[in-house]
């Protein structure tokens, strides 16, 4: 089978890009031809098909007024449509698979596929079809104001960057795609969790178009270490919705070190907080990858995943489980689908630092429980989140899309 994979970025920027690259890799390993499509960016990996990529689009550090004046490029790009049509003409794919395309590639590439009558599937890594700001968040807490296609709410809540022009651009984008039925051509929307599927079903996406396929990891690349280490670990972006402040409150005064791995917009705020609160058992490790990250996982006692938004999946929790580490996670979004409470880890009430503190103390006082939960977590990861099963599920969807 020949496929084209489209995503805004062609470098490892986050969890959605990890899935994007991993899927292309396993499909290629099974003998399929997979061609990428993205925008040009300095960080992009090299590709023999880069001649088809549209020009770079940078908005970080650009004023909101300039973004608003060039908003149509964020909503619908004729350059991208033309370039994608050229790639489709060259490749003649059986199926096109979209990942994140809004705001950079735009829905214009759906029109390219439609004009050539090529079936399209799309993985929903966030809630963009429900929420213009795509995270269903307001002031760091989950928000459902825009459900039912009430996309005007950002004009009043300023939920995107607390800025009217930025929020207005996202509102216009959502209504543009709705009124002109841009997503109607997509045959199937792949939801990484049942929680995501349920939310999109509630929002009016036809049930027959929604398919549940969990994300996966290359399990064989993760060597489990069941022996509890002498610290607990957080891995993720340092932003409000990730629940870091709840975690800092929970570990204050505990006789265990917390290592925080990752970076983000409010790292300095968290560092100031621990100084002001005289929290001495927390260290910020910064962004880590490769062998450094692997070592941090392997030598930890367990991982804490205190997210406070509707996690679409939770790749960190699956990676921790693959290393044989139990996870203490908040009871929100897709997290309870990954963490089996009191079996592969523990769940706590979202945002409740006192309950999280008790869960941490409970595990620390039961080393044998840490080991057993770690083994159960690894076993479940091997069974549910492996590449072979993911490939089989993808091929079923592609087959239906073509059929």
Protein backbone atom coordinates (compact mmCIF):
# COMPACT_ATOMS: atom_id res chain seq x y z
CA UNK A 1 0.00 0.00 0.00
CA UNK A 2 1.19 3.53 -0.71
CA UNK A 3 0.41 6.21 1.88
CA UNK A 4 1.03 9.91 2.47
CA UNK A 5 1.43 11.06 6.07
CA UNK A 6 0.83 14.76 6.77
CA UNK A 7 1.77 16.70 9.90
CA UNK A 8 2.59 20.32 10.68
CA UNK A 9 6.14 19.50 11.78
CA UNK A 10 8.75 17.02 10.62
CA UNK A 11 10.81 16.90 13.78
CA UNK A 12 10.22 15.43 17.23
CA UNK A 13 8.27 18.28 18.84
CA UNK A 14 5.95 16.33 21.13
CA UNK A 15 3.93 13.17 21.66
CA UNK A 16 1.90 13.56 18.46
CA UNK A 17 5.08 13.76 16.38
CA UNK A 18 6.38 10.65 18.15
CA UNK A 19 3.30 8.75 17.01
CA UNK A 20 3.59 10.26 13.51
CA UNK A 21 7.18 9.07 13.07
CA UNK A 22 6.64 5.69 14.75
CA UNK A 23 3.66 4.88 12.53
CA UNK A 24 5.61 5.72 9.39
CA UNK A 25 8.44 3.51 10.62
CA UNK A 26 6.33 0.42 11.31
CA UNK A 27 4.41 0.78 8.06
CA UNK A 28 7.70 1.00 6.16
CA UNK A 29 9.00 -2.04 8.05
CA UNK A 30 5.99 -4.02 6.81
CA UNK A 31 6.79 -3.08 3.23
CA UNK A 32 4.46 -0.14 2.64
CA UNK A 33 5.59 3.02 0.85
CA UNK A 34 5.11 6.05 3.11
CA UNK A 35 5.74 9.64 1.96
CA UNK A 36 5.74 12.57 4.41
CA UNK A 37 4.21 16.00 3.91
CA UNK A 38 4.89 18.97 6.19
CA UNK A 39 6.00 22.59 6.15
CA UNK A 40 9.63 23.60 5.91
CA UNK A 41 11.16 24.29 9.32
CA UNK A 42 14.79 24.62 10.36
CA UNK A 43 14.49 21.69 12.76
CA UNK A 44 12.95 19.36 10.19
CA UNK A 45 14.53 16.00 9.50
CA UNK A 46 15.82 15.61 5.95
CA UNK A 47 13.45 14.12 3.38
CA UNK A 48 13.80 13.29 -0.28
CA UNK A 49 10.31 14.72 -0.73
CA UNK A 50 11.07 18.15 0.76
CA UNK A 51 10.66 19.73 -2.68
CA UNK A 52 6.94 19.29 -2.17
CA UNK A 53 6.89 21.01 1.25
CA UNK A 54 5.40 24.54 1.46
CA UNK A 55 7.44 27.38 2.96
CA UNK A 56 7.95 27.83 6.69
CA UNK A 57 5.39 29.64 8.81
CA UNK A 58 6.66 31.15 12.06
CA UNK A 59 4.42 32.86 14.60
CA UNK A 60 6.36 32.48 17.86
CA UNK A 61 7.30 35.93 19.11
CA UNK A 62 5.18 37.65 16.44
CA UNK A 63 2.69 40.27 17.59
CA UNK A 64 -0.97 39.29 17.77
CA UNK A 65 -1.89 42.01 15.28
CA UNK A 66 0.45 40.58 12.65
CA UNK A 67 -0.91 37.12 13.30
CA UNK A 68 -4.47 38.39 12.90
CA UNK A 69 -3.61 40.24 9.68
CA UNK A 70 -2.21 37.03 8.23
CA UNK A 71 -4.91 34.89 9.83
CA UNK A 72 -6.20 33.51 6.57
CA UNK A 73 -2.91 31.68 6.04
CA UNK A 74 -3.50 30.01 9.40
CA UNK A 75 -7.01 29.04 8.35
CA UNK A 76 -6.56 28.10 4.69
CA UNK A 77 -3.30 28.00 2.74
CA UNK A 78 -3.45 28.01 -1.06
CA UNK A 79 0.30 27.41 -1.23
CA UNK A 80 -0.06 24.28 0.90
CA UNK A 81 -3.01 23.10 -1.18
CA UNK A 82 -0.98 23.46 -4.39
CA UNK A 83 2.09 21.71 -2.97
CA UNK A 84 0.04 18.86 -1.56
CA UNK A 85 -1.74 18.39 -4.88
CA UNK A 86 1.67 18.10 -6.55
CA UNK A 87 2.73 15.42 -4.07
CA UNK A 88 -0.52 13.49 -4.53
CA UNK A 89 -0.12 13.63 -8.30
CA UNK A 90 3.44 12.31 -7.96
CA UNK A 91 2.75 9.64 -5.31
CA UNK A 92 -0.75 8.46 -6.27
CA UNK A 93 -1.36 7.12 -2.72
CA UNK A 94 -4.06 4.68 -1.72
CA UNK A 95 -4.75 6.53 1.54
CA UNK A 96 -3.76 9.84 3.12
CA UNK A 97 -3.27 9.91 6.90
CA UNK A 98 -3.43 13.30 8.63
CA UNK A 99 -2.07 13.99 12.09
CA UNK A 100 -1.93 17.62 13.30
CA UNK A 101 -2.65 19.89 10.34
CA UNK A 102 -4.46 22.94 11.77
CA UNK A 103 -2.75 26.30 11.89
CA UNK A 104 0.12 25.34 9.58
CA UNK A 105 -0.89 22.93 6.81
CA UNK A 106 -4.58 23.85 7.25
CA UNK A 107 -7.70 22.10 5.97
CA UNK A 108 -6.75 23.14 2.43
CA UNK A 109 -4.98 19.79 2.04
CA UNK A 110 -8.27 18.00 2.67
CA UNK A 111 -9.58 19.70 -0.46
CA UNK A 112 -6.53 18.46 -2.39
CA UNK A 113 -7.26 14.87 -1.40
CA UNK A 114 -10.98 15.30 -2.09
CA UNK A 115 -10.37 16.66 -5.60
CA UNK A 116 -8.43 13.49 -6.42
CA UNK A 117 -10.94 11.28 -4.56
CA UNK A 118 -8.27 9.86 -2.26
CA UNK A 119 -9.63 8.53 1.06
CA UNK A 120 -8.41 10.29 4.21
CA UNK A 121 -8.10 9.20 7.83
CA UNK A 122 -7.06 11.52 10.63
CA UNK A 123 -5.67 10.92 14.11
CA UNK A 124 -7.17 13.24 16.73
CA UNK A 125 -4.27 14.16 19.01
CA UNK A 126 -6.29 16.92 20.69
CA UNK A 127 -9.81 18.41 20.72
CA UNK A 128 -9.57 20.92 17.87
CA UNK A 129 -12.83 19.74 16.29
CA UNK A 130 -14.61 20.52 19.56
CA UNK A 131 -12.61 23.45 20.94
CA UNK A 132 -11.07 26.26 18.83
CA UNK A 133 -8.15 26.41 21.28
CA UNK A 134 -7.85 22.59 20.94
CA UNK A 135 -7.16 21.74 24.61
CA UNK A 136 -10.59 22.26 26.21
CA UNK A 137 -8.89 24.38 28.85
CA UNK A 138 -9.68 27.68 30.52
CA UNK A 139 -7.30 29.15 33.09
CA UNK A 140 -5.60 25.78 33.45
CA UNK A 141 -8.84 23.87 34.10
CA UNK A 142 -10.95 21.75 31.77
CA UNK A 143 -13.68 23.60 29.89
CA UNK A 144 -16.59 22.44 27.72
CA UNK A 145 -18.13 25.77 26.75
CA UNK A 146 -17.63 25.23 23.02
CA UNK A 147 -19.29 21.82 22.85
CA UNK A 148 -22.24 21.87 20.51
CA UNK A 149 -20.26 24.04 18.05
CA UNK A 150 -20.45 27.14 20.22
CA UNK A 151 -17.14 28.32 18.86
CA UNK A 152 -17.81 31.97 19.72
CA UNK A 153 -16.87 31.45 23.38
CA UNK A 154 -13.15 32.27 22.96
CA UNK A 155 -14.19 35.82 22.01
CA UNK A 156 -15.35 36.25 25.60
CA UNK A 157 -13.05 33.91 27.55
CA UNK A 158 -9.86 34.83 25.61
CA UNK A 159 -8.80 31.25 26.25
CA UNK A 160 -6.04 31.26 23.64
CA UNK A 161 -3.02 33.07 25.09
CA UNK A 162 -5.42 35.36 27.00
CA UNK A 163 -5.54 37.47 23.85
CA UNK A 164 -8.55 38.66 21.87
CA UNK A 165 -6.99 38.65 18.40
CA UNK A 166 -5.46 35.20 18.84
CA UNK A 167 -8.73 33.83 20.24
CA UNK A 168 -10.72 35.48 17.45
CA UNK A 169 -8.48 33.89 14.82
CA UNK A 170 -9.17 30.44 16.27
CA UNK A 171 -12.91 31.15 16.42
CA UNK A 172 -12.96 32.19 12.76
CA UNK A 173 -10.96 29.08 11.81
CA UNK A 174 -13.43 26.76 13.55
CA UNK A 175 -16.47 28.35 11.95
CA UNK A 176 -14.78 28.42 8.52
CA UNK A 177 -14.12 24.68 8.64
CA UNK A 178 -17.62 23.99 9.99
CA UNK A 179 -19.57 26.13 7.52
CA UNK A 180 -17.60 24.94 4.49
CA UNK A 181 -17.70 21.32 5.73
CA UNK A 182 -13.95 20.87 5.38
CA UNK A 183 -13.77 17.75 7.52
CA UNK A 184 -16.66 15.96 5.84
CA UNK A 185 -14.33 14.21 3.37
CA UNK A 186 -12.44 12.44 6.13
CA UNK A 187 -13.54 8.82 6.25
CA UNK A 188 -12.36 7.95 9.75
CA UNK A 189 -11.16 9.87 12.81
CA UNK A 190 -8.77 7.79 14.90
CA UNK A 191 -9.19 8.43 18.63
CA UNK A 192 -6.26 7.30 20.83
CA UNK A 193 -8.59 6.75 23.79
CA UNK A 194 -12.21 5.89 24.44
CA UNK A 195 -12.44 9.14 26.39
CA UNK A 196 -11.50 11.09 23.26
CA UNK A 197 -13.97 9.09 21.18
CA UNK A 198 -16.75 9.78 23.67
CA UNK A 199 -16.04 13.54 23.71
CA UNK A 200 -16.08 13.75 19.92
CA UNK A 201 -19.26 11.69 19.76
CA UNK A 202 -20.89 14.06 22.26
CA UNK A 203 -19.76 16.98 20.08
CA UNK A 204 -21.65 15.63 17.07
CA UNK A 205 -19.05 13.70 15.09
CA UNK A 206 -20.87 10.75 13.45
CA UNK A 207 -20.28 7.54 15.38
CA UNK A 208 -19.49 5.57 12.22
CA UNK A 209 -16.51 7.85 11.58
CA UNK A 210 -14.93 7.41 15.00
CA UNK A 211 -12.44 4.59 15.56
CA UNK A 212 -10.53 3.78 18.75
CA UNK A 213 -6.86 2.94 18.18
CA UNK A 214 -4.58 3.51 21.20
CA UNK A 215 -1.15 4.98 20.60
CA UNK A 216 1.76 2.58 20.91
CA UNK A 217 5.43 2.35 21.75
CA UNK A 218 8.20 0.09 20.52
CA UNK A 219 8.11 -2.03 23.66
CA UNK A 220 11.25 -3.99 22.80
CA UNK A 221 13.27 -0.76 23.07
CA UNK A 222 12.32 -0.39 26.75
CA UNK A 223 14.22 -2.57 29.21
CA UNK A 224 12.28 -2.92 32.47
CA UNK A 225 13.94 -2.30 35.83
CA UNK A 226 11.60 -3.36 38.62
CA UNK A 227 13.89 -2.44 41.52
CA UNK A 228 12.59 0.77 43.17
CA UNK A 229 15.03 3.66 42.95
CA UNK A 230 15.54 6.39 45.50
CA UNK A 231 13.50 9.16 43.87
CA UNK A 232 10.14 9.69 42.19
CA UNK A 233 9.85 11.10 38.71
CA UNK A 234 7.75 13.56 36.71
CA UNK A 235 8.23 13.80 32.94
CA UNK A 236 6.35 16.34 30.85
CA UNK A 237 5.79 19.90 29.77
CA UNK A 238 5.94 22.49 32.53
CA UNK A 239 2.59 24.19 32.03
CA UNK A 240 -0.41 24.69 34.29
CA UNK A 241 -2.56 21.89 32.88
CA UNK A 242 0.09 19.26 33.66
CA UNK A 243 -0.57 19.49 37.40
CA UNK A 244 2.99 20.29 38.46
CA UNK A 245 1.88 22.70 41.20
CA UNK A 246 -0.35 19.99 42.70
CA UNK A 247 2.64 17.64 42.70
CA UNK A 248 4.94 20.21 44.35
CA UNK A 249 2.42 20.71 47.14
CA UNK A 250 2.07 16.94 47.56
CA UNK A 251 5.80 16.22 48.00
CA UNK A 252 6.59 19.11 50.32
CA UNK A 253 8.29 17.71 53.42
CA UNK A 254 8.36 14.10 52.23
CA UNK A 255 11.54 12.09 52.72
CA UNK A 256 11.96 11.39 49.00
CA UNK A 257 13.43 13.38 46.13
CA UNK A 258 11.25 14.44 43.22
CA UNK A 259 13.02 14.83 39.89
CA UNK A 260 11.15 16.97 37.37
CA UNK A 261 12.12 16.31 33.77
CA UNK A 262 10.95 18.71 31.10
CA UNK A 263 10.71 22.39 30.30
CA UNK A 264 7.96 24.84 29.57
CA UNK A 265 6.59 28.36 29.86
CA UNK A 266 6.28 28.48 33.65
CA UNK A 267 9.38 26.64 34.83
CA UNK A 268 10.69 29.81 36.48
CA UNK A 269 7.39 30.21 38.30
CA UNK A 270 7.70 26.70 39.75
CA UNK A 271 11.32 27.25 40.72
CA UNK A 272 10.32 30.45 42.51
CA UNK A 273 7.51 28.58 44.24
CA UNK A 274 9.77 25.93 45.75
CA UNK A 275 12.16 28.62 46.97
CA UNK A 276 9.37 30.61 48.60
CA UNK A 277 7.83 27.48 50.13
CA UNK A 278 11.26 26.16 51.18
CA UNK A 279 10.70 22.86 49.40
CA UNK A 280 14.12 21.22 49.43
CA UNK A 281 13.42 17.78 47.93
CA UNK A 282 12.71 18.87 44.33
CA UNK A 283 15.23 19.16 41.49
CA UNK A 284 14.54 20.42 37.98
CA UNK A 285 16.44 18.32 35.45
CA UNK A 286 15.40 20.24 32.34
CA UNK A 287 14.64 18.63 29.00
CA UNK A 288 16.12 15.14 28.63
CA UNK A 289 16.06 12.55 25.87
CA UNK A 290 17.84 9.40 24.77
CA UNK A 291 20.06 7.62 27.28
CA UNK A 292 19.69 10.37 29.89
CA UNK A 293 15.92 10.04 29.96
CA UNK A 294 16.16 6.26 29.90
CA UNK A 295 18.43 6.31 32.96
CA UNK A 296 16.08 8.62 34.84
CA UNK A 297 13.17 6.25 34.24
CA UNK A 298 15.13 3.11 35.13
CA UNK A 299 16.49 4.46 38.41
CA UNK A 300 13.23 5.92 39.71
CA UNK A 301 10.91 4.33 42.25
CA UNK A 302 7.78 5.24 40.28
CA UNK A 303 6.37 7.98 38.08
CA UNK A 304 3.73 10.58 38.90
CA UNK A 305 1.38 11.81 36.16
CA UNK A 306 -0.76 14.55 37.81
CA UNK A 307 -2.28 16.08 34.66
CA UNK A 308 -5.32 18.32 35.09
CA UNK A 309 -6.64 18.48 31.52
CA UNK A 310 -8.47 15.94 29.38
CA UNK A 311 -5.45 13.90 28.35
CA UNK A 312 -6.15 12.38 24.95
CA UNK A 313 -3.85 9.46 25.69
CA UNK A 314 -0.86 9.79 28.03
CA UNK A 315 2.25 8.46 26.34
CA UNK A 316 4.40 9.20 29.40
CA UNK A 317 2.37 6.76 31.49
CA UNK A 318 2.79 4.03 28.88
CA UNK A 319 6.55 4.63 28.62
CA UNK A 320 6.89 4.49 32.41
CA UNK A 321 4.97 1.20 32.43
CA UNK A 322 7.27 -0.19 29.75
CA UNK A 323 10.21 0.50 32.05
CA UNK A 324 8.45 -1.53 34.73
CA UNK A 325 7.47 1.48 36.83
CA UNK A 326 4.02 1.94 38.37
CA UNK A 327 2.36 5.31 37.78
CA UNK A 328 0.33 7.45 40.14
CA UNK A 329 -2.01 9.43 37.90
CA UNK A 330 -4.93 11.81 38.17
CA UNK A 331 -8.38 10.43 37.48
CA UNK A 332 -9.11 12.45 34.34
CA UNK A 333 -9.27 12.05 30.58
CA UNK A 334 -7.65 8.92 29.19
CA UNK A 335 -5.41 8.33 32.21
CA UNK A 336 -7.74 5.78 33.88
CA UNK A 337 -7.67 3.77 30.64
CA UNK A 338 -3.90 3.39 30.92
CA UNK A 339 -3.49 3.07 34.69
CA UNK A 340 -5.46 0.20 36.19
CA UNK A 341 -6.03 1.42 39.75
CA UNK A 342 -4.30 -0.72 42.40
CA UNK A 343 -3.03 -3.03 39.66
CA UNK A 344 -0.55 -1.13 37.47
CA UNK A 345 -0.56 2.04 39.54
CA UNK A 346 -2.79 4.32 41.60
CA UNK A 347 -5.34 7.00 40.71
CA UNK A 348 -6.11 10.12 42.73
CA UNK A 349 -8.71 12.85 42.49
CA UNK A 350 -7.55 15.46 40.01
CA UNK A 351 -5.96 18.48 41.69
CA UNK A 352 -6.19 16.99 45.21
CA UNK A 353 -2.63 17.28 46.51
CA UNK A 354 -3.52 15.77 49.89
CA UNK A 355 -4.79 12.57 48.28
CA UNK A 356 -1.79 12.50 45.95
CA UNK A 357 0.48 12.85 48.97
CA UNK A 358 -1.16 9.85 50.64
CA UNK A 359 -0.84 7.75 47.46
CA UNK A 360 2.88 8.59 47.25
CA UNK A 361 3.43 7.69 50.90
CA UNK A 362 1.47 4.47 50.44
CA UNK A 363 3.69 3.28 47.60
CA UNK A 364 6.92 4.37 49.28
CA UNK A 365 6.03 2.28 52.33
CA UNK A 366 5.41 -0.83 50.18
CA UNK A 367 8.49 -1.62 48.04
CA UNK A 368 7.13 -5.06 47.18
CA UNK A 369 3.94 -3.43 45.88
CA UNK A 370 6.05 -1.15 43.66
CA UNK A 371 7.74 -4.21 42.18
CA UNK A 372 4.51 -6.11 41.59
CA UNK A 373 2.71 -3.12 40.08
CA UNK A 374 5.71 -2.49 37.85
CA UNK A 375 5.59 -6.06 36.55
CA UNK A 376 1.85 -5.86 35.92
CA UNK A 377 2.29 -2.51 34.17
CA UNK A 378 4.99 -3.91 31.89
CA UNK A 379 2.88 -6.97 31.04
CA UNK A 380 -0.13 -4.85 30.13
CA UNK A 381 2.01 -2.57 27.97
CA UNK A 382 3.37 -5.56 26.09
CA UNK A 383 -0.15 -6.83 25.46
CA UNK A 384 -2.03 -3.60 24.70
CA UNK A 385 0.41 -1.02 23.33
CA UNK A 386 2.76 -2.96 21.08
CA UNK A 387 3.63 -2.08 17.48
CA UNK A 388 2.27 -5.26 15.93
CA UNK A 389 -1.22 -4.76 17.34
CA UNK A 390 -1.18 -1.09 16.35
CA UNK A 391 -0.19 -1.99 12.80
CA UNK A 392 -3.03 -4.51 12.53
CA UNK A 393 -5.54 -1.91 13.74
CA UNK A 394 -4.25 0.72 11.31
CA UNK A 395 -4.48 -1.66 8.36
CA UNK A 396 -8.10 -2.48 9.24
CA UNK A 397 -8.97 1.23 9.13
CA UNK A 398 -7.07 1.79 5.88
CA UNK A 399 -8.82 -1.18 4.33
CA UNK A 400 -12.23 0.18 5.28
CA UNK A 401 -11.29 3.65 4.03
CA UNK A 402 -10.30 2.28 0.63
CA UNK A 403 -13.28 -0.04 0.49
